[in-house]
Amino acid sequence: MPFARAGRPGLLGTVARAAARQGTPARDAPP
């Protein structure tokens, strides 16, 4: 049975959403 997280998102999900909102460039983006 796979683990399903219920409730608030974890730290990784929060950081990923914040980066997406701020428009953080991808790692391989040109300088």
PDB file of all heavy atoms in Angstrom:
ATOM      1  N   MET A   1       0.836  -1.165   0.000  1.00  0.00           N
ATOM      2  CA  MET A   1       0.000   0.000   0.000  1.00  0.00           C
ATOM      3  C   MET A   1       0.898   1.250   0.000  1.00  0.00           C
ATOM      4  O   MET A   1       1.734   1.400   0.875  1.00  0.00           O
ATOM      5  CB  MET A   1      -0.900  -0.017   1.239  1.00  0.00           C
ATOM      6  CG  MET A   1      -1.634   1.272   1.376  1.00  0.00           C
ATOM      7  SD  MET A   1      -2.453   1.614   2.924  1.00  0.00           S
ATOM      8  CE  MET A   1      -3.537   0.367   3.277  1.00  0.00           C
ATOM      9  N   PRO A   2       0.743   2.141  -0.999  1.00  0.00           N
ATOM     10  CA  PRO A   2       1.569   3.349  -1.049  1.00  0.00           C
ATOM     11  C   PRO A   2       1.181   4.315   0.066  1.00  0.00           C
ATOM     12  O   PRO A   2       0.048   4.354   0.527  1.00  0.00           O
ATOM     13  CB  PRO A   2       1.292   3.939  -2.420  1.00  0.00           C
ATOM     14  CG  PRO A   2       0.047   3.301  -2.900  1.00  0.00           C
ATOM     15  CD  PRO A   2      -0.125   2.023  -2.151  1.00  0.00           C
ATOM     16  N   PHE A   3       2.170   5.077   0.476  1.00  0.00           N
ATOM     17  CA  PHE A   3       1.953   6.058   1.536  1.00  0.00           C
ATOM     18  C   PHE A   3       1.230   7.267   0.963  1.00  0.00           C
ATOM     19  O   PHE A   3       1.643   7.845  -0.029  1.00  0.00           O
ATOM     20  CB  PHE A   3       3.298   6.487   2.123  1.00  0.00           C
ATOM     21  CG  PHE A   3       3.189   7.509   3.205  1.00  0.00           C
ATOM     22  CD1 PHE A   3       2.698   7.165   4.448  1.00  0.00           C
ATOM     23  CD2 PHE A   3       3.560   8.817   2.985  1.00  0.00           C
ATOM     24  CE1 PHE A   3       2.602   8.100   5.456  1.00  0.00           C
ATOM     25  CE2 PHE A   3       3.462   9.763   3.977  1.00  0.00           C
ATOM     26  CZ  PHE A   3       2.983   9.400   5.224  1.00  0.00           C
ATOM     27  N   ALA A   4       0.147   7.665   1.562  1.00  0.00           N
ATOM     28  CA  ALA A   4      -0.607   8.850   1.134  1.00  0.00           C
ATOM     29  C   ALA A   4      -0.590   9.852   2.270  1.00  0.00           C
ATOM     30  O   ALA A   4      -0.979   9.553   3.384  1.00  0.00           O
ATOM     31  CB  ALA A   4      -2.038   8.474   0.775  1.00  0.00           C
ATOM     32  N   ARG A   5      -0.115  11.031   1.986  1.00  0.00           N
ATOM     33  CA  ARG A   5      -0.028  12.072   3.005  1.00  0.00           C
ATOM     34  C   ARG A   5      -1.316  12.873   3.003  1.00  0.00           C
ATOM     35  O   ARG A   5      -1.747  13.380   1.970  1.00  0.00           O
ATOM     36  CB  ARG A   5       1.156  12.973   2.722  1.00  0.00           C
ATOM     37  CG  ARG A   5       1.355  14.007   3.797  1.00  0.00           C
ATOM     38  CD  ARG A   5       2.594  14.836   3.477  1.00  0.00           C
ATOM     39  NE  ARG A   5       2.761  15.845   4.484  1.00  0.00           N
ATOM     40  CZ  ARG A   5       3.593  15.736   5.519  1.00  0.00           C
ATOM     41  NH1 ARG A   5       4.335  14.670   5.635  1.00  0.00           N
ATOM     42  NH2 ARG A   5       3.692  16.706   6.395  1.00  0.00           N
ATOM     43  N   ALA A   6      -1.903  13.051   4.136  1.00  0.00           N
ATOM     44  CA  ALA A   6      -3.129  13.833   4.263  1.00  0.00           C
ATOM     45  C   ALA A   6      -2.815  15.093   5.050  1.00  0.00           C
ATOM     46  O   ALA A   6      -1.907  15.132   5.863  1.00  0.00           O
ATOM     47  CB  ALA A   6      -4.200  13.019   4.980  1.00  0.00           C
ATOM     48  N   GLY A   7      -3.527  16.141   4.775  1.00  0.00           N
ATOM     49  CA  GLY A   7      -3.333  17.383   5.531  1.00  0.00           C
ATOM     50  C   GLY A   7      -2.434  18.355   4.807  1.00  0.00           C
ATOM     51  O   GLY A   7      -2.389  18.405   3.586  1.00  0.00           O
ATOM     52  N   ARG A   8      -1.704  19.132   5.576  1.00  0.00           N
ATOM     53  CA  ARG A   8      -0.851  20.173   5.003  1.00  0.00           C
ATOM     54  C   ARG A   8       0.311  19.571   4.221  1.00  0.00           C
ATOM     55  O   ARG A   8       0.785  18.494   4.548  1.00  0.00           O
ATOM     56  CB  ARG A   8      -0.317  21.061   6.120  1.00  0.00           C
ATOM     57  CG  ARG A   8      -1.418  21.793   6.827  1.00  0.00           C
ATOM     58  CD  ARG A   8      -0.968  22.763   7.863  1.00  0.00           C
ATOM     59  NE  ARG A   8       0.365  22.505   8.383  1.00  0.00           N
ATOM     60  CZ  ARG A   8       0.970  23.281   9.258  1.00  0.00           C
ATOM     61  NH1 ARG A   8       0.364  24.329   9.720  1.00  0.00           N
ATOM     62  NH2 ARG A   8       2.174  23.008   9.687  1.00  0.00           N
ATOM     63  N   PRO A   9       0.807  20.315   3.206  1.00  0.00           N
ATOM     64  CA  PRO A   9       1.930  19.794   2.425  1.00  0.00           C
ATOM     65  C   PRO A   9       3.221  19.817   3.251  1.00  0.00           C
ATOM     66  O   PRO A   9       3.364  20.592   4.185  1.00  0.00           O
ATOM     67  CB  PRO A   9       2.024  20.754   1.243  1.00  0.00           C
ATOM     68  CG  PRO A   9       1.426  22.015   1.742  1.00  0.00           C
ATOM     69  CD  PRO A   9       0.350  21.598   2.712  1.00  0.00           C
ATOM     70  N   GLY A  10       4.133  18.961   2.880  1.00  0.00           N
ATOM     71  CA  GLY A  10       5.426  18.919   3.550  1.00  0.00           C
ATOM     72  C   GLY A  10       6.301  20.080   3.117  1.00  0.00           C
ATOM     73  O   GLY A  10       5.931  20.913   2.283  1.00  0.00           O
ATOM     74  N   LEU A  11       7.473  20.141   3.688  1.00  0.00           N
ATOM     75  CA  LEU A  11       8.418  21.214   3.395  1.00  0.00           C
ATOM     76  C   LEU A  11       8.786  21.264   1.923  1.00  0.00           C
ATOM     77  O   LEU A  11       8.816  22.333   1.319  1.00  0.00           O
ATOM     78  CB  LEU A  11       9.679  21.048   4.245  1.00  0.00           C
ATOM     79  CG  LEU A  11      10.773  22.086   4.040  1.00  0.00           C
ATOM     80  CD1 LEU A  11      10.243  23.479   4.384  1.00  0.00           C
ATOM     81  CD2 LEU A  11      11.984  21.760   4.862  1.00  0.00           C
ATOM     82  N   LEU A  12       9.051  20.113   1.329  1.00  0.00           N
ATOM     83  CA  LEU A  12       9.431  20.070  -0.080  1.00  0.00           C
ATOM     84  C   LEU A  12       8.326  20.633  -0.976  1.00  0.00           C
ATOM     85  O   LEU A  12       8.580  21.417  -1.883  1.00  0.00           O
ATOM     86  CB  LEU A  12       9.785  18.649  -0.500  1.00  0.00           C
ATOM     87  CG  LEU A  12      10.301  18.473  -1.915  1.00  0.00           C
ATOM     88  CD1 LEU A  12      11.532  19.331  -2.132  1.00  0.00           C
ATOM     89  CD2 LEU A  12      10.627  17.035  -2.192  1.00  0.00           C
ATOM     90  N   GLY A  13       7.075  20.262  -0.698  1.00  0.00           N
ATOM     91  CA  GLY A  13       5.961  20.777  -1.488  1.00  0.00           C
ATOM     92  C   GLY A  13       5.802  22.279  -1.331  1.00  0.00           C
ATOM     93  O   GLY A  13       5.537  23.011  -2.291  1.00  0.00           O
ATOM     94  N   THR A  14       5.997  22.773  -0.110  1.00  0.00           N
ATOM     95  CA  THR A  14       5.878  24.210   0.149  1.00  0.00           C
ATOM     96  C   THR A  14       6.964  24.981  -0.594  1.00  0.00           C
ATOM     97  O   THR A  14       6.703  26.007  -1.219  1.00  0.00           O
ATOM     98  CB  THR A  14       5.985  24.484   1.663  1.00  0.00           C
ATOM     99  OG1 THR A  14       4.971  23.735   2.329  1.00  0.00           O
ATOM    100  CG2 THR A  14       5.810  25.953   1.968  1.00  0.00           C
ATOM    101  N   VAL A  15       8.189  24.495  -0.545  1.00  0.00           N
ATOM    102  CA  VAL A  15       9.301  25.152  -1.224  1.00  0.00           C
ATOM    103  C   VAL A  15       9.102  25.129  -2.733  1.00  0.00           C
ATOM    104  O   VAL A  15       9.328  26.129  -3.415  1.00  0.00           O
ATOM    105  CB  VAL A  15      10.641  24.487  -0.831  1.00  0.00           C
ATOM    106  CG1 VAL A  15      11.782  24.984  -1.691  1.00  0.00           C
ATOM    107  CG2 VAL A  15      10.938  24.730   0.633  1.00  0.00           C
ATOM    108  N   ALA A  16       8.652  24.007  -3.262  1.00  0.00           N
ATOM    109  CA  ALA A  16       8.430  23.905  -4.706  1.00  0.00           C
ATOM    110  C   ALA A  16       7.347  24.871  -5.169  1.00  0.00           C
ATOM    111  O   ALA A  16       7.487  25.525  -6.202  1.00  0.00           O
ATOM    112  CB  ALA A  16       8.049  22.474  -5.078  1.00  0.00           C
ATOM    113  N   ARG A  17       6.268  24.981  -4.401  1.00  0.00           N
ATOM    114  CA  ARG A  17       5.205  25.913  -4.770  1.00  0.00           C
ATOM    115  C   ARG A  17       5.683  27.364  -4.696  1.00  0.00           C
ATOM    116  O   ARG A  17       5.382  28.174  -5.560  1.00  0.00           O
ATOM    117  CB  ARG A  17       3.990  25.709  -3.871  1.00  0.00           C
ATOM    118  CG  ARG A  17       2.908  24.896  -4.528  1.00  0.00           C
ATOM    119  CD  ARG A  17       1.603  24.932  -3.763  1.00  0.00           C
ATOM    120  NE  ARG A  17       1.718  24.399  -2.402  1.00  0.00           N
ATOM    121  CZ  ARG A  17       1.886  23.119  -2.093  1.00  0.00           C
ATOM    122  NH1 ARG A  17       1.979  22.230  -3.047  1.00  0.00           N
ATOM    123  NH2 ARG A  17       1.968  22.726  -0.853  1.00  0.00           N
ATOM    124  N   ALA A  18       6.450  27.690  -3.667  1.00  0.00           N
ATOM    125  CA  ALA A  18       6.968  29.060  -3.532  1.00  0.00           C
ATOM    126  C   ALA A  18       7.892  29.398  -4.695  1.00  0.00           C
ATOM    127  O   ALA A  18       7.833  30.500  -5.248  1.00  0.00           O
ATOM    128  CB  ALA A  18       7.700  29.216  -2.202  1.00  0.00           C
ATOM    129  N   ALA A  19       8.744  28.452  -5.091  1.00  0.00           N
ATOM    130  CA  ALA A  19       9.654  28.687  -6.211  1.00  0.00           C
ATOM    131  C   ALA A  19       8.880  28.877  -7.507  1.00  0.00           C
ATOM    132  O   ALA A  19       9.223  29.733  -8.327  1.00  0.00           O
ATOM    133  CB  ALA A  19      10.628  27.514  -6.344  1.00  0.00           C
ATOM    134  N   ALA A  20       7.833  28.100  -7.694  1.00  0.00           N
ATOM    135  CA  ALA A  20       7.024  28.230  -8.907  1.00  0.00           C
ATOM    136  C   ALA A  20       6.326  29.582  -8.945  1.00  0.00           C
ATOM    137  O   ALA A  20       6.224  30.216  -9.996  1.00  0.00           O
ATOM    138  CB  ALA A  20       5.999  27.104  -8.978  1.00  0.00           C
ATOM    139  N   ARG A  21       5.857  30.046  -7.809  1.00  0.00           N
ATOM    140  CA  ARG A  21       5.188  31.358  -7.766  1.00  0.00           C
ATOM    141  C   ARG A  21       6.156  32.492  -8.048  1.00  0.00           C
ATOM    142  O   ARG A  21       5.796  33.489  -8.654  1.00  0.00           O
ATOM    143  CB  ARG A  21       4.546  31.573  -6.391  1.00  0.00           C
ATOM    144  CG  ARG A  21       3.152  31.041  -6.317  1.00  0.00           C
ATOM    145  CD  ARG A  21       2.481  31.475  -5.042  1.00  0.00           C
ATOM    146  NE  ARG A  21       2.132  30.251  -4.336  1.00  0.00           N
ATOM    147  CZ  ARG A  21       2.492  29.927  -3.115  1.00  0.00           C
ATOM    148  NH1 ARG A  21       3.205  30.742  -2.399  1.00  0.00           N
ATOM    149  NH2 ARG A  21       2.146  28.789  -2.589  1.00  0.00           N
ATOM    150  N   GLN A  22       7.391  32.348  -7.591  1.00  0.00           N
ATOM    151  CA  GLN A  22       8.388  33.416  -7.766  1.00  0.00           C
ATOM    152  C   GLN A  22       9.055  33.360  -9.128  1.00  0.00           C
ATOM    153  O   GLN A  22       9.803  34.260  -9.485  1.00  0.00           O
ATOM    154  CB  GLN A  22       9.457  33.310  -6.686  1.00  0.00           C
ATOM    155  CG  GLN A  22       8.934  33.625  -5.315  1.00  0.00           C
ATOM    156  CD  GLN A  22       9.992  33.393  -4.250  1.00  0.00           C
ATOM    157  OE1 GLN A  22      11.109  32.993  -4.548  1.00  0.00           O
ATOM    158  NE2 GLN A  22       9.638  33.635  -3.013  1.00  0.00           N
ATOM    159  N   GLY A  23       8.824  32.308  -9.860  1.00  0.00           N
ATOM    160  CA  GLY A  23       9.423  32.204 -11.195  1.00  0.00           C
ATOM    161  C   GLY A  23      10.897  31.862 -11.135  1.00  0.00           C
ATOM    162  O   GLY A  23      11.692  32.347 -11.920  1.00  0.00           O
ATOM    163  N   THR A  24      11.295  31.027 -10.198  1.00  0.00           N
ATOM    164  CA  THR A  24      12.689  30.617 -10.073  1.00  0.00           C
ATOM    165  C   THR A  24      13.101  29.866 -11.333  1.00  0.00           C
ATOM    166  O   THR A  24      12.421  28.949 -11.756  1.00  0.00           O
ATOM    167  CB  THR A  24      12.867  29.707  -8.837  1.00  0.00           C
ATOM    168  OG1 THR A  24      12.397  30.419  -7.702  1.00  0.00           O
ATOM    169  CG2 THR A  24      14.313  29.320  -8.649  1.00  0.00           C
ATOM    170  N   PRO A  25      14.235  30.241 -11.950  1.00  0.00           N
ATOM    171  CA  PRO A  25      14.665  29.550 -13.164  1.00  0.00           C
ATOM    172  C   PRO A  25      15.101  28.126 -12.870  1.00  0.00           C
ATOM    173  O   PRO A  25      15.509  27.807 -11.761  1.00  0.00           O
ATOM    174  CB  PRO A  25      15.849  30.381 -13.650  1.00  0.00           C
ATOM    175  CG  PRO A  25      16.345  31.079 -12.439  1.00  0.00           C
ATOM    176  CD  PRO A  25      15.141  31.298 -11.557  1.00  0.00           C
ATOM    177  N   ALA A  26      15.013  27.298 -13.865  1.00  0.00           N
ATOM    178  CA  ALA A  26      15.447  25.905 -13.734  1.00  0.00           C
ATOM    179  C   ALA A  26      16.962  25.854 -13.569  1.00  0.00           C
ATOM    180  O   ALA A  26      17.667  26.794 -13.915  1.00  0.00           O
ATOM    181  CB  ALA A  26      15.031  25.132 -14.974  1.00  0.00           C
ATOM    182  N   ARG A  27      17.468  24.745 -13.069  1.00  0.00           N
ATOM    183  CA  ARG A  27      18.912  24.611 -12.857  1.00  0.00           C
ATOM    184  C   ARG A  27      19.696  24.751 -14.149  1.00  0.00           C
ATOM    185  O   ARG A  27      20.781  25.289 -14.163  1.00  0.00           O
ATOM    186  CB  ARG A  27      19.220  23.243 -12.272  1.00  0.00           C
ATOM    187  CG  ARG A  27      18.988  23.141 -10.834  1.00  0.00           C
ATOM    188  CD  ARG A  27      19.555  21.832 -10.346  1.00  0.00           C
ATOM    189  NE  ARG A  27      18.878  21.449  -9.130  1.00  0.00           N
ATOM    190  CZ  ARG A  27      19.038  20.314  -8.524  1.00  0.00           C
ATOM    191  NH1 ARG A  27      19.835  19.413  -9.049  1.00  0.00           N
ATOM    192  NH2 ARG A  27      18.395  20.049  -7.421  1.00  0.00           N
ATOM    193  N   ASP A  28      19.162  24.235 -15.235  1.00  0.00           N
ATOM    194  CA  ASP A  28      19.884  24.248 -16.497  1.00  0.00           C
ATOM    195  C   ASP A  28      19.618  25.493 -17.333  1.00  0.00           C
ATOM    196  O   ASP A  28      20.009  25.558 -18.490  1.00  0.00           O
ATOM    197  CB  ASP A  28      19.511  23.008 -17.318  1.00  0.00           C
ATOM    198  CG  ASP A  28      19.916  21.728 -16.597  1.00  0.00           C
ATOM    199  OD1 ASP A  28      20.891  21.786 -15.813  1.00  0.00           O
ATOM    200  OD2 ASP A  28      19.265  20.701 -16.786  1.00  0.00           O
ATOM    201  N   ALA A  29      18.973  26.482 -16.745  1.00  0.00           N
ATOM    202  CA  ALA A  29      18.681  27.717 -17.478  1.00  0.00           C
ATOM    203  C   ALA A  29      19.985  28.472 -17.725  1.00  0.00           C
ATOM    204  O   ALA A  29      20.887  28.459 -16.892  1.00  0.00           O
ATOM    205  CB  ALA A  29      17.716  28.588 -16.694  1.00  0.00           C
ATOM    206  N   PRO A  30      20.107  29.163 -18.857  1.00  0.00           N
ATOM    207  CA  PRO A  30      21.327  29.931 -19.121  1.00  0.00           C
ATOM    208  C   PRO A  30      21.416  31.111 -18.149  1.00  0.00           C
ATOM    209  O   PRO A  30      20.400  31.609 -17.666  1.00  0.00           O
ATOM    210  CB  PRO A  30      21.131  30.417 -20.563  1.00  0.00           C
ATOM    211  CG  PRO A  30      19.665  30.370 -20.785  1.00  0.00           C
ATOM    212  CD  PRO A  30      19.140  29.264 -19.922  1.00  0.00           C
ATOM    213  N   PRO A  31      22.625  31.566 -17.852  1.00  0.00           N
ATOM    214  CA  PRO A  31      22.775  32.700 -16.937  1.00  0.00           C
ATOM    215  C   PRO A  31      22.181  33.953 -17.558  1.00  0.00           C
ATOM    216  O   PRO A  31      22.096  34.076 -18.788  1.00  0.00           O
ATOM    217  CB  PRO A  31      24.289  32.825 -16.768  1.00  0.00           C
ATOM    218  CG  PRO A  31      24.870  32.146 -17.948  1.00  0.00           C
ATOM    219  CD  PRO A  31      23.895  31.088 -18.349  1.00  0.00           C
TER     220      PRO A  31
END
